[in-house]
Amino acid sequence: MKIKYDKETDAIYVILSSDTIVESEEKSKDVIVDYNDKDEVVAIEILNVKQNSHEIDLPFILKSA
């Protein structure tokens, strides 16, 4: 797992796998989940990190893949 922060876009990107991303879905405001071809979660992107507080239910996100 890798975690990256981009100052310019104020986004955190959590990379769970090196698989190719084939689909992305906005799960909630400012939270985007990327999937591989097996519908498994590959990465999670959180936007506007400094502007907003975020409560993310990771078990829900990972289960709903």
PDB file of N, CA and C in Angstrom:
ATOM      1  N   MET A   1       0.851  -1.173   0.000  1.00  0.00           N
ATOM      2  CA  MET A   1       0.000   0.000   0.000  1.00  0.00           C
ATOM      3  C   MET A   1       0.895   1.234   0.000  1.00  0.00           C
ATOM      4  N   LYS A   2       0.479   2.229  -0.790  1.00  0.00           N
ATOM      5  CA  LYS A   2       1.165   3.514  -0.840  1.00  0.00           C
ATOM      6  C   LYS A   2       0.136   4.614  -0.600  1.00  0.00           C
ATOM      7  N   ILE A   3       0.584   5.669   0.056  1.00  0.00           N
ATOM      8  CA  ILE A   3      -0.273   6.836   0.258  1.00  0.00           C
ATOM      9  C   ILE A   3       0.466   8.049  -0.274  1.00  0.00           C
ATOM     10  N   LYS A   4      -0.190   8.774  -1.168  1.00  0.00           N
ATOM     11  CA  LYS A   4       0.416   9.971  -1.766  1.00  0.00           C
ATOM     12  C   LYS A   4      -0.482  11.171  -1.495  1.00  0.00           C
ATOM     13  N   TYR A   5       0.151  12.322  -1.269  1.00  0.00           N
ATOM     14  CA  TYR A   5      -0.602  13.567  -1.111  1.00  0.00           C
ATOM     15  C   TYR A   5      -0.146  14.538  -2.192  1.00  0.00           C
ATOM     16  N   ASP A   6      -1.096  15.138  -2.896  1.00  0.00           N
ATOM     17  CA  ASP A   6      -0.803  16.119  -3.938  1.00  0.00           C
ATOM     18  C   ASP A   6      -1.242  17.491  -3.445  1.00  0.00           C
ATOM     19  N   LYS A   7      -0.263  18.359  -3.191  1.00  0.00           N
ATOM     20  CA  LYS A   7      -0.560  19.712  -2.695  1.00  0.00           C
ATOM     21  C   LYS A   7      -1.403  20.521  -3.670  1.00  0.00           C
ATOM     22  N   GLU A   8      -1.073  20.425  -4.946  1.00  0.00           N
ATOM     23  CA  GLU A   8      -1.764  21.235  -5.962  1.00  0.00           C
ATOM     24  C   GLU A   8      -3.252  20.935  -6.031  1.00  0.00           C
ATOM     25  N   THR A   9      -3.604  19.658  -5.934  1.00  0.00           N
ATOM     26  CA  THR A   9      -5.012  19.283  -6.029  1.00  0.00           C
ATOM     27  C   THR A   9      -5.644  19.052  -4.659  1.00  0.00           C
ATOM     28  N   ASP A  10      -4.837  19.129  -3.589  1.00  0.00           N
ATOM     29  CA  ASP A  10      -5.296  18.882  -2.218  1.00  0.00           C
ATOM     30  C   ASP A  10      -6.012  17.542  -2.139  1.00  0.00           C
ATOM     31  N   ALA A  11      -5.308  16.499  -2.596  1.00  0.00           N
ATOM     32  CA  ALA A  11      -5.898  15.166  -2.642  1.00  0.00           C
ATOM     33  C   ALA A  11      -4.941  14.127  -2.066  1.00  0.00           C
ATOM     34  N   ILE A  12      -5.531  13.157  -1.378  1.00  0.00           N
ATOM     35  CA  ILE A  12      -4.780  11.996  -0.909  1.00  0.00           C
ATOM     36  C   ILE A  12      -5.178  10.828  -1.795  1.00  0.00           C
ATOM     37  N   TYR A  13      -4.181  10.052  -2.200  1.00  0.00           N
ATOM     38  CA  TYR A  13      -4.424   8.901  -3.046  1.00  0.00           C
ATOM     39  C   TYR A  13      -3.856   7.677  -2.338  1.00  0.00           C
ATOM     40  N   VAL A  14      -4.702   6.732  -1.986  1.00  0.00           N
ATOM     41  CA  VAL A  14      -4.298   5.503  -1.309  1.00  0.00           C
ATOM     42  C   VAL A  14      -4.300   4.392  -2.347  1.00  0.00           C
ATOM     43  N   ILE A  15      -3.114   3.873  -2.641  1.00  0.00           N
ATOM     44  CA  ILE A  15      -2.963   2.845  -3.662  1.00  0.00           C
ATOM     45  C   ILE A  15      -2.856   1.493  -2.971  1.00  0.00           C
ATOM     46  N   LEU A  16      -3.815   0.619  -3.246  1.00  0.00           N
ATOM     47  CA  LEU A  16      -3.867  -0.685  -2.592  1.00  0.00           C
ATOM     48  C   LEU A  16      -3.277  -1.799  -3.451  1.00  0.00           C
ATOM     49  N   SER A  17      -3.211  -1.557  -4.757  1.00  0.00           N
ATOM     50  CA  SER A  17      -2.750  -2.580  -5.682  1.00  0.00           C
ATOM     51  C   SER A  17      -2.151  -1.918  -6.918  1.00  0.00           C
ATOM     52  N   SER A  18      -1.271  -2.637  -7.580  1.00  0.00           N
ATOM     53  CA  SER A  18      -0.679  -2.109  -8.818  1.00  0.00           C
ATOM     54  C   SER A  18      -1.478  -2.531 -10.053  1.00  0.00           C
ATOM     55  N   ASP A  19      -2.641  -3.137  -9.839  1.00  0.00           N
ATOM     56  CA  ASP A  19      -3.495  -3.549 -10.957  1.00  0.00           C
ATOM     57  C   ASP A  19      -3.925  -2.344 -11.793  1.00  0.00           C
ATOM     58  N   THR A  20      -4.255  -2.602 -13.023  1.00  0.00           N
ATOM     59  CA  THR A  20      -4.751  -1.563 -13.922  1.00  0.00           C
ATOM     60  C   THR A  20      -6.154  -1.151 -13.518  1.00  0.00           C
ATOM     61  N   ILE A  21      -6.384   0.142 -13.488  1.00  0.00           N
ATOM     62  CA  ILE A  21      -7.698   0.682 -13.159  1.00  0.00           C
ATOM     63  C   ILE A  21      -8.568   0.637 -14.404  1.00  0.00           C
ATOM     64  N   VAL A  22      -9.751   0.025 -14.286  1.00  0.00           N
ATOM     65  CA  VAL A  22     -10.665  -0.047 -15.428  1.00  0.00           C
ATOM     66  C   VAL A  22     -11.950   0.730 -15.190  1.00  0.00           C
ATOM     67  N   GLU A  23     -12.209   1.079 -13.934  1.00  0.00           N
ATOM     68  CA  GLU A  23     -13.429   1.825 -13.620  1.00  0.00           C
ATOM     69  C   GLU A  23     -13.219   2.627 -12.344  1.00  0.00           C
ATOM     70  N   SER A  24     -13.860   3.778 -12.281  1.00  0.00           N
ATOM     71  CA  SER A  24     -13.829   4.621 -11.090  1.00  0.00           C
ATOM     72  C   SER A  24     -15.256   5.000 -10.730  1.00  0.00           C
ATOM     73  N   GLU A  25     -15.494   5.122  -9.429  1.00  0.00           N
ATOM     74  CA  GLU A  25     -16.840   5.454  -8.965  1.00  0.00           C
ATOM     75  C   GLU A  25     -16.740   6.419  -7.782  1.00  0.00           C
ATOM     76  N   GLU A  26     -17.545   7.473  -7.818  1.00  0.00           N
ATOM     77  CA  GLU A  26     -17.591   8.397  -6.698  1.00  0.00           C
ATOM     78  C   GLU A  26     -18.537   7.802  -5.653  1.00  0.00           C
ATOM     79  N   LYS A  27     -17.977   7.374  -4.520  1.00  0.00           N
ATOM     80  CA  LYS A  27     -18.751   6.702  -3.473  1.00  0.00           C
ATOM     81  C   LYS A  27     -19.487   7.693  -2.582  1.00  0.00           C
ATOM     82  N   SER A  28     -18.871   8.831  -2.365  1.00  0.00           N
ATOM     83  CA  SER A  28     -19.496   9.919  -1.617  1.00  0.00           C
ATOM     84  C   SER A  28     -18.802  11.194  -2.059  1.00  0.00           C
ATOM     85  N   LYS A  29     -19.274  12.332  -1.575  1.00  0.00           N
ATOM     86  CA  LYS A  29     -18.683  13.605  -2.007  1.00  0.00           C
ATOM     87  C   LYS A  29     -17.177  13.592  -1.744  1.00  0.00           C
ATOM     88  N   ASP A  30     -16.402  13.799  -2.794  1.00  0.00           N
ATOM     89  CA  ASP A  30     -14.944  13.882  -2.741  1.00  0.00           C
ATOM     90  C   ASP A  30     -14.226  12.566  -2.450  1.00  0.00           C
ATOM     91  N   VAL A  31     -14.908  11.437  -2.562  1.00  0.00           N
ATOM     92  CA  VAL A  31     -14.265  10.139  -2.363  1.00  0.00           C
ATOM     93  C   VAL A  31     -14.503   9.287  -3.606  1.00  0.00           C
ATOM     94  N   ILE A  32     -13.406   8.966  -4.292  1.00  0.00           N
ATOM     95  CA  ILE A  32     -13.478   8.207  -5.539  1.00  0.00           C
ATOM     96  C   ILE A  32     -12.743   6.884  -5.342  1.00  0.00           C
ATOM     97  N   VAL A  33     -13.386   5.801  -5.753  1.00  0.00           N
ATOM     98  CA  VAL A  33     -12.802   4.469  -5.629  1.00  0.00           C
ATOM     99  C   VAL A  33     -12.523   3.933  -7.027  1.00  0.00           C
ATOM    100  N   ASP A  34     -11.312   3.398  -7.212  1.00  0.00           N
ATOM    101  CA  ASP A  34     -10.893   2.829  -8.493  1.00  0.00           C
ATOM    102  C   ASP A  34     -10.901   1.302  -8.394  1.00  0.00           C
ATOM    103  N   TYR A  35     -11.354   0.652  -9.486  1.00  0.00           N
ATOM    104  CA  TYR A  35     -11.488  -0.811  -9.520  1.00  0.00           C
ATOM    105  C   TYR A  35     -10.675  -1.414 -10.661  1.00  0.00           C
ATOM    106  N   ASN A  36     -10.292  -2.669 -10.484  1.00  0.00           N
ATOM    107  CA  ASN A  36      -9.637  -3.415 -11.561  1.00  0.00           C
ATOM    108  C   ASN A  36     -10.690  -4.197 -12.350  1.00  0.00           C
ATOM    109  N   ASP A  37     -10.252  -5.041 -13.255  1.00  0.00           N
ATOM    110  CA  ASP A  37     -11.189  -5.783 -14.098  1.00  0.00           C
ATOM    111  C   ASP A  37     -11.951  -6.892 -13.358  1.00  0.00           C
ATOM    112  N   LYS A  38     -11.550  -7.174 -12.111  1.00  0.00           N
ATOM    113  CA  LYS A  38     -12.255  -8.169 -11.285  1.00  0.00           C
ATOM    114  C   LYS A  38     -13.187  -7.499 -10.284  1.00  0.00           C
ATOM    115  N   ASP A  39     -13.364  -6.188 -10.436  1.00  0.00           N
ATOM    116  CA  ASP A  39     -14.213  -5.398  -9.542  1.00  0.00           C
ATOM    117  C   ASP A  39     -13.646  -5.293  -8.129  1.00  0.00           C
ATOM    118  N   GLU A  40     -12.325  -5.414  -8.007  1.00  0.00           N
ATOM    119  CA  GLU A  40     -11.649  -5.273  -6.719  1.00  0.00           C
ATOM    120  C   GLU A  40     -11.150  -3.836  -6.587  1.00  0.00           C
ATOM    121  N   VAL A  41     -11.132  -3.323  -5.361  1.00  0.00           N
ATOM    122  CA  VAL A  41     -10.666  -1.959  -5.125  1.00  0.00           C
ATOM    123  C   VAL A  41      -9.156  -1.899  -5.331  1.00  0.00           C
ATOM    124  N   VAL A  42      -8.735  -0.970  -6.185  1.00  0.00           N
ATOM    125  CA  VAL A  42      -7.320  -0.772  -6.494  1.00  0.00           C
ATOM    126  C   VAL A  42      -6.782   0.453  -5.753  1.00  0.00           C
ATOM    127  N   ALA A  43      -7.615   1.500  -5.646  1.00  0.00           N
ATOM    128  CA  ALA A  43      -7.163   2.739  -5.017  1.00  0.00           C
ATOM    129  C   ALA A  43      -8.369   3.545  -4.540  1.00  0.00           C
ATOM    130  N   ILE A  44      -8.088   4.442  -3.604  1.00  0.00           N
ATOM    131  CA  ILE A  44      -9.105   5.360  -3.086  1.00  0.00           C
ATOM    132  C   ILE A  44      -8.511   6.761  -3.124  1.00  0.00           C
ATOM    133  N   GLU A  45      -9.246   7.689  -3.706  1.00  0.00           N
ATOM    134  CA  GLU A  45      -8.800   9.088  -3.791  1.00  0.00           C
ATOM    135  C   GLU A  45      -9.752   9.950  -2.968  1.00  0.00           C
ATOM    136  N   ILE A  46      -9.162  10.800  -2.138  1.00  0.00           N
ATOM    137  CA  ILE A  46      -9.942  11.715  -1.310  1.00  0.00           C
ATOM    138  C   ILE A  46      -9.560  13.130  -1.716  1.00  0.00           C
ATOM    139  N   LEU A  47     -10.545  13.889  -2.196  1.00  0.00           N
ATOM    140  CA  LEU A  47     -10.324  15.238  -2.697  1.00  0.00           C
ATOM    141  C   LEU A  47     -10.637  16.278  -1.629  1.00  0.00           C
ATOM    142  N   ASN A  48     -10.093  17.481  -1.802  1.00  0.00           N
ATOM    143  CA  ASN A  48     -10.354  18.608  -0.897  1.00  0.00           C
ATOM    144  C   ASN A  48     -10.081  18.250   0.559  1.00  0.00           C
ATOM    145  N   VAL A  49      -8.929  17.666   0.791  1.00  0.00           N
ATOM    146  CA  VAL A  49      -8.565  17.163   2.111  1.00  0.00           C
ATOM    147  C   VAL A  49      -8.515  18.282   3.155  1.00  0.00           C
ATOM    148  N   LYS A  50      -7.896  19.377   2.828  1.00  0.00           N
ATOM    149  CA  LYS A  50      -7.758  20.471   3.799  1.00  0.00           C
ATOM    150  C   LYS A  50      -9.037  21.288   3.942  1.00  0.00           C
ATOM    151  N   GLN A  51      -9.845  21.327   2.900  1.00  0.00           N
ATOM    152  CA  GLN A  51     -11.055  22.149   2.911  1.00  0.00           C
ATOM    153  C   GLN A  51     -12.191  21.513   3.695  1.00  0.00           C
ATOM    154  N   ASN A  52     -12.275  20.196   3.691  1.00  0.00           N
ATOM    155  CA  ASN A  52     -13.410  19.496   4.302  1.00  0.00           C
ATOM    156  C   ASN A  52     -12.919  18.382   5.217  1.00  0.00           C
ATOM    157  N   SER A  53     -13.703  18.095   6.242  1.00  0.00           N
ATOM    158  CA  SER A  53     -13.418  16.902   7.026  1.00  0.00           C
ATOM    159  C   SER A  53     -14.139  15.740   6.345  1.00  0.00           C
ATOM    160  N   HIS A  54     -13.537  14.583   6.403  1.00  0.00           N
ATOM    161  CA  HIS A  54     -14.091  13.419   5.715  1.00  0.00           C
ATOM    162  C   HIS A  54     -14.207  12.263   6.692  1.00  0.00           C
ATOM    163  N   GLU A  55     -15.360  11.647   6.706  1.00  0.00           N
ATOM    164  CA  GLU A  55     -15.540  10.401   7.440  1.00  0.00           C
ATOM    165  C   GLU A  55     -15.789   9.331   6.397  1.00  0.00           C
ATOM    166  N   ILE A  56     -14.878   8.388   6.331  1.00  0.00           N
ATOM    167  CA  ILE A  56     -14.949   7.369   5.300  1.00  0.00           C
ATOM    168  C   ILE A  56     -15.122   6.007   5.965  1.00  0.00           C
ATOM    169  N   ASP A  57     -16.148   5.295   5.572  1.00  0.00           N
ATOM    170  CA  ASP A  57     -16.416   3.964   6.097  1.00  0.00           C
ATOM    171  C   ASP A  57     -15.691   2.955   5.213  1.00  0.00           C
ATOM    172  N   LEU A  58     -14.416   2.687   5.527  1.00  0.00           N
ATOM    173  CA  LEU A  58     -13.617   1.809   4.683  1.00  0.00           C
ATOM    174  C   LEU A  58     -14.198   0.401   4.573  1.00  0.00           C
ATOM    175  N   PRO A  59     -14.661  -0.212   5.661  1.00  0.00           N
ATOM    176  CA  PRO A  59     -15.264  -1.545   5.470  1.00  0.00           C
ATOM    177  C   PRO A  59     -16.414  -1.534   4.476  1.00  0.00           C
ATOM    178  N   PHE A  60     -17.244  -0.489   4.501  1.00  0.00           N
ATOM    179  CA  PHE A  60     -18.345  -0.387   3.544  1.00  0.00           C
ATOM    180  C   PHE A  60     -17.818  -0.242   2.123  1.00  0.00           C
ATOM    181  N   ILE A  61     -16.839   0.645   1.939  1.00  0.00           N
ATOM    182  CA  ILE A  61     -16.273   0.863   0.594  1.00  0.00           C
ATOM    183  C   ILE A  61     -15.643  -0.418   0.062  1.00  0.00           C
ATOM    184  N   LEU A  62     -14.887  -1.102   0.885  1.00  0.00           N
ATOM    185  CA  LEU A  62     -14.204  -2.310   0.428  1.00  0.00           C
ATOM    186  C   LEU A  62     -15.190  -3.454   0.193  1.00  0.00           C
ATOM    187  N   LYS A  63     -16.254  -3.545   0.976  1.00  0.00           N
ATOM    188  CA  LYS A  63     -17.245  -4.598   0.808  1.00  0.00           C
ATOM    189  C   LYS A  63     -18.135  -4.370  -0.397  1.00  0.00           C
ATOM    190  N   SER A  64     -18.416  -3.110  -0.694  1.00  0.00           N
ATOM    191  CA  SER A  64     -19.369  -2.822  -1.769  1.00  0.00           C
ATOM    192  C   SER A  64     -18.739  -2.878  -3.151  1.00  0.00           C
ATOM    193  N   ALA A  65     -17.524  -3.307  -3.229  1.00  0.00           N
ATOM    194  CA  ALA A  65     -16.837  -3.393  -4.527  1.00  0.00           C
ATOM    195  C   ALA A  65     -17.437  -4.474  -5.386  1.00  0.00           C
TER     196      ALA A  65
END
